[in-house]
Amino acid sequence: MNQTGRVDWIANEGGYRLYINVPFAFVGPFVFESRGVVDKYGLAPAIYWTQRGEKPPRYSRFDRDDKGGGKMFFTEKPEFTPDILPGTQDRFSLMFQLASLLNGSDKIDAAGVVREIPVVDYNTLEMWQFLSFGEELKSDAIPSLGQTAVRHYRLIQRANDPYKRQVDIWLAKDLEWLPGRVRTLEANGRVFELVFKQRAD
């Protein structure tokens, strides 16, 4: 079932806010929000929270120091307080971190390059590895843009991932490398996909 969701991306000198709301019949909306600042490593999330339908929200707080490190705190697992590495992202800010890196230089991450990013979810902090497929000059992966130049990244499976997610991200050059399509395939066959349709007025 296709649903029309909304992605709000606001970035200014005071920081950034990323808000995603996808409505689902019967269960309610899936909501994700990431807020933070920009430091010398790129996006630096301060708070990340998720809520699925009527379930209570789950928060992940980044307690950063002036060197980009610090500690993580999770409402879902309060006893778990792992160290933060500089450049640590959450599940959704990582896509915009990739966009900022490409806007700095679109020569990075040629086909076959693996980029490592420490990533936080609602109760985990893990090193995710993304395989770059390089720049595809005429891709139809984002239907609303027609044939356009994209960068395609795929999450390399982690042996300890209980969900065995397959995550693919397409960043569009015509959108200043912002994500035009994101597809997550769970081990049970469930697909969660965000595809760019149009900019808000």
Protein backbone atom coordinates (compact mmCIF):
# COMPACT_ATOMS: atom_id res chain seq x y z
CA MET A 1 0.00 0.00 0.00
CA ASN A 2 1.45 3.35 -1.06
CA GLN A 3 1.15 6.30 1.32
CA THR A 4 2.11 9.94 0.79
CA GLY A 5 4.42 11.08 3.55
CA ARG A 6 6.20 14.32 4.28
CA VAL A 7 9.87 15.05 4.86
CA ASP A 8 10.83 18.41 6.38
CA TRP A 9 14.50 19.34 6.09
CA ILE A 10 15.50 22.67 7.61
CA ALA A 11 19.14 23.73 7.94
CA ASN A 12 20.48 27.11 8.99
CA GLU A 13 23.21 28.65 11.14
CA GLY A 14 21.42 27.49 14.28
CA GLY A 15 21.47 23.83 13.27
CA TYR A 16 19.17 21.44 11.44
CA ARG A 17 15.85 19.64 11.84
CA LEU A 18 14.81 16.54 9.91
CA TYR A 19 11.20 15.42 10.38
CA ILE A 20 9.56 12.47 8.60
CA ASN A 21 5.87 11.58 8.92
CA VAL A 22 4.39 8.63 7.02
CA PRO A 23 0.69 7.89 7.69
CA PHE A 24 -0.51 4.29 7.84
CA ALA A 25 -4.14 3.24 7.97
CA PHE A 26 -5.28 1.48 11.16
CA VAL A 27 -1.92 1.72 12.95
CA GLY A 28 -1.31 5.48 12.78
CA PRO A 29 1.70 7.43 11.49
CA PHE A 30 5.34 6.45 11.60
CA VAL A 31 7.24 9.54 12.80
CA PHE A 32 10.98 10.11 12.89
CA GLU A 33 12.79 13.28 13.95
CA SER A 34 16.46 14.22 14.14
CA ARG A 35 17.69 17.56 15.46
CA GLY A 36 21.20 18.85 15.95
CA VAL A 37 23.96 21.16 14.75
CA VAL A 38 26.75 21.11 12.20
CA ASP A 39 30.31 20.64 13.38
CA LYS A 40 33.62 20.04 11.59
CA TYR A 41 32.61 16.41 10.95
CA GLY A 42 29.29 17.35 9.32
CA LEU A 43 25.86 16.82 10.83
CA ALA A 44 25.95 16.29 14.61
CA PRO A 45 22.59 14.98 15.86
CA ALA A 46 21.66 15.97 19.41
CA ILE A 47 18.34 14.13 19.69
CA TYR A 48 16.69 11.41 17.61
CA TRP A 49 13.25 10.01 18.32
CA THR A 50 10.84 7.63 16.65
CA GLN A 51 7.20 6.76 17.15
CA ARG A 52 5.15 4.07 15.42
CA GLY A 53 1.41 4.55 15.61
CA GLU A 54 0.06 4.68 19.15
CA LYS A 55 3.21 3.25 20.70
CA PRO A 56 5.17 5.61 22.99
CA PRO A 57 8.07 7.49 21.40
CA ARG A 58 11.62 6.21 21.83
CA TYR A 59 14.45 8.71 22.30
CA SER A 60 18.18 8.60 21.64
CA ARG A 61 20.22 11.50 23.05
CA PHE A 62 23.72 12.43 21.91
CA ASP A 63 25.70 14.02 24.75
CA ARG A 64 28.60 15.40 22.72
CA ASP A 65 31.80 17.05 23.89
CA ASP A 66 33.70 19.81 22.10
CA LYS A 67 35.76 17.22 20.17
CA GLY A 68 32.72 15.54 18.58
CA GLY A 69 32.81 12.55 20.93
CA GLY A 70 30.79 11.92 24.08
CA LYS A 71 28.15 9.48 25.30
CA MET A 72 24.84 8.08 24.05
CA PHE A 73 21.71 7.75 26.17
CA PHE A 74 18.62 5.70 25.23
CA THR A 75 15.18 5.70 26.86
CA GLU A 76 14.74 2.16 25.52
CA LYS A 77 17.94 0.92 27.19
CA PRO A 78 19.00 3.37 29.95
CA GLU A 79 21.85 1.17 31.21
CA PHE A 80 23.53 1.27 27.76
CA THR A 81 25.71 4.40 27.43
CA PRO A 82 28.26 3.75 24.67
CA ASP A 83 30.91 6.24 23.58
CA ILE A 84 30.18 8.40 20.56
CA LEU A 85 32.70 8.63 17.75
CA PRO A 86 33.03 11.93 15.87
CA GLY A 87 30.66 11.89 12.89
CA THR A 88 28.12 9.55 14.52
CA GLN A 89 24.70 9.75 12.83
CA ASP A 90 21.20 8.43 13.38
CA ARG A 91 19.28 6.26 10.89
CA PHE A 92 17.96 9.23 8.94
CA SER A 93 20.57 11.97 9.40
CA LEU A 94 23.12 9.64 7.77
CA MET A 95 21.47 10.19 4.36
CA PHE A 96 21.81 13.95 4.70
CA GLN A 97 25.37 13.51 5.95
CA LEU A 98 26.16 11.68 2.70
CA ALA A 99 24.52 14.55 0.79
CA SER A 100 26.66 17.13 2.58
CA LEU A 101 29.82 15.14 1.82
CA LEU A 102 28.90 14.94 -1.88
CA ASN A 103 28.13 18.66 -2.00
CA GLY A 104 31.62 19.21 -0.63
CA SER A 105 33.10 17.06 -3.41
CA ASP A 106 31.22 14.83 -5.85
CA LYS A 107 34.51 13.08 -6.61
CA ILE A 108 34.33 11.01 -3.43
CA ASP A 109 33.06 7.45 -3.12
CA ALA A 110 33.74 6.03 -6.58
CA ALA A 111 32.14 2.70 -7.47
CA GLY A 112 33.35 -0.04 -5.14
CA VAL A 113 34.37 2.26 -2.28
CA VAL A 114 33.04 1.31 1.17
CA ARG A 115 32.21 4.18 3.53
CA GLU A 116 31.93 3.53 7.26
CA ILE A 117 29.53 5.60 9.37
CA PRO A 118 28.73 5.05 13.08
CA VAL A 119 24.92 4.93 13.26
CA VAL A 120 22.46 5.17 16.17
CA ASP A 121 18.99 3.64 16.25
CA TYR A 122 16.60 3.69 19.20
CA ASN A 123 18.76 1.33 21.30
CA THR A 124 21.94 0.58 19.33
CA LEU A 125 25.16 2.21 18.17
CA GLU A 126 26.93 0.30 15.40
CA MET A 127 29.38 0.90 12.59
CA TRP A 128 27.48 0.68 9.32
CA GLN A 129 29.31 0.10 6.05
CA PHE A 130 27.89 1.40 2.78
CA LEU A 131 29.01 0.18 -0.61
CA SER A 132 29.04 2.92 -3.22
CA PHE A 133 27.92 2.14 -6.76
CA GLY A 134 29.38 5.44 -7.93
CA GLU A 135 27.57 8.01 -10.02
CA GLU A 136 24.90 6.73 -12.39
CA LEU A 137 24.46 9.47 -15.01
CA LYS A 138 21.10 8.34 -16.39
CA SER A 139 19.14 6.51 -13.73
CA ASP A 140 15.37 6.07 -13.52
CA ALA A 141 15.46 5.07 -9.83
CA ILE A 142 13.51 8.25 -8.92
CA PRO A 143 10.50 8.30 -11.27
CA SER A 144 9.44 11.90 -10.56
CA LEU A 145 12.81 13.17 -11.81
CA GLY A 146 12.92 11.07 -14.98
CA GLN A 147 16.40 10.03 -16.05
CA THR A 148 18.81 11.83 -13.79
CA ALA A 149 22.25 11.53 -12.20
CA VAL A 150 22.23 9.70 -8.86
CA ARG A 151 24.57 8.21 -6.31
CA HIS A 152 23.53 4.77 -5.07
CA TYR A 153 24.70 3.39 -1.70
CA ARG A 154 23.84 -0.02 -0.22
CA LEU A 155 24.23 -1.10 3.39
CA ILE A 156 26.55 -4.10 3.68
CA GLN A 157 24.94 -6.81 5.79
CA ARG A 158 26.21 -7.04 9.36
CA ALA A 159 26.58 -10.50 10.87
CA ASN A 160 25.04 -9.40 14.20
CA ASP A 161 22.04 -7.58 12.70
CA PRO A 162 18.94 -9.43 13.96
CA TYR A 163 16.76 -7.75 11.32
CA LYS A 164 19.05 -8.46 8.35
CA ARG A 165 17.91 -5.25 6.70
CA GLN A 166 18.89 -4.44 3.15
CA VAL A 167 19.06 -0.66 2.83
CA ASP A 168 19.51 1.17 -0.48
CA ILE A 169 19.86 4.95 -0.78
CA TRP A 170 19.72 6.97 -3.98
CA LEU A 171 20.91 10.59 -3.76
CA ALA A 172 19.90 12.88 -6.64
CA LYS A 173 22.22 15.45 -8.19
CA ASP A 174 19.20 17.55 -9.25
CA LEU A 175 18.20 17.74 -5.56
CA GLU A 176 21.70 18.88 -4.50
CA TRP A 177 22.41 15.25 -3.59
CA LEU A 178 19.52 15.04 -1.15
CA PRO A 179 17.89 11.59 -0.96
CA GLY A 180 15.45 10.89 -3.78
CA ARG A 181 14.72 7.31 -2.80
CA VAL A 182 15.32 5.13 0.23
CA ARG A 183 14.35 1.46 0.32
CA THR A 184 14.54 -0.89 3.31
CA LEU A 185 13.87 -4.60 2.88
CA GLU A 186 13.40 -6.55 6.12
CA ALA A 187 14.20 -10.24 6.52
CA ASN A 188 10.46 -11.00 6.68
CA GLY A 189 9.96 -9.45 3.24
CA ARG A 190 8.43 -6.21 4.47
CA VAL A 191 9.46 -3.19 2.42
CA PHE A 192 9.60 0.39 3.71
CA GLU A 193 10.28 2.88 0.94
CA LEU A 194 10.47 6.66 0.66
CA VAL A 195 10.45 8.08 -2.88
CA PHE A 196 10.72 11.79 -3.72
CA LYS A 197 7.55 13.13 -5.33
CA GLN A 198 7.75 16.91 -5.21
CA ARG A 199 9.06 19.80 -3.19
CA ALA A 200 6.61 21.53 -0.86
CA ASP A 201 5.44 24.99 -1.94
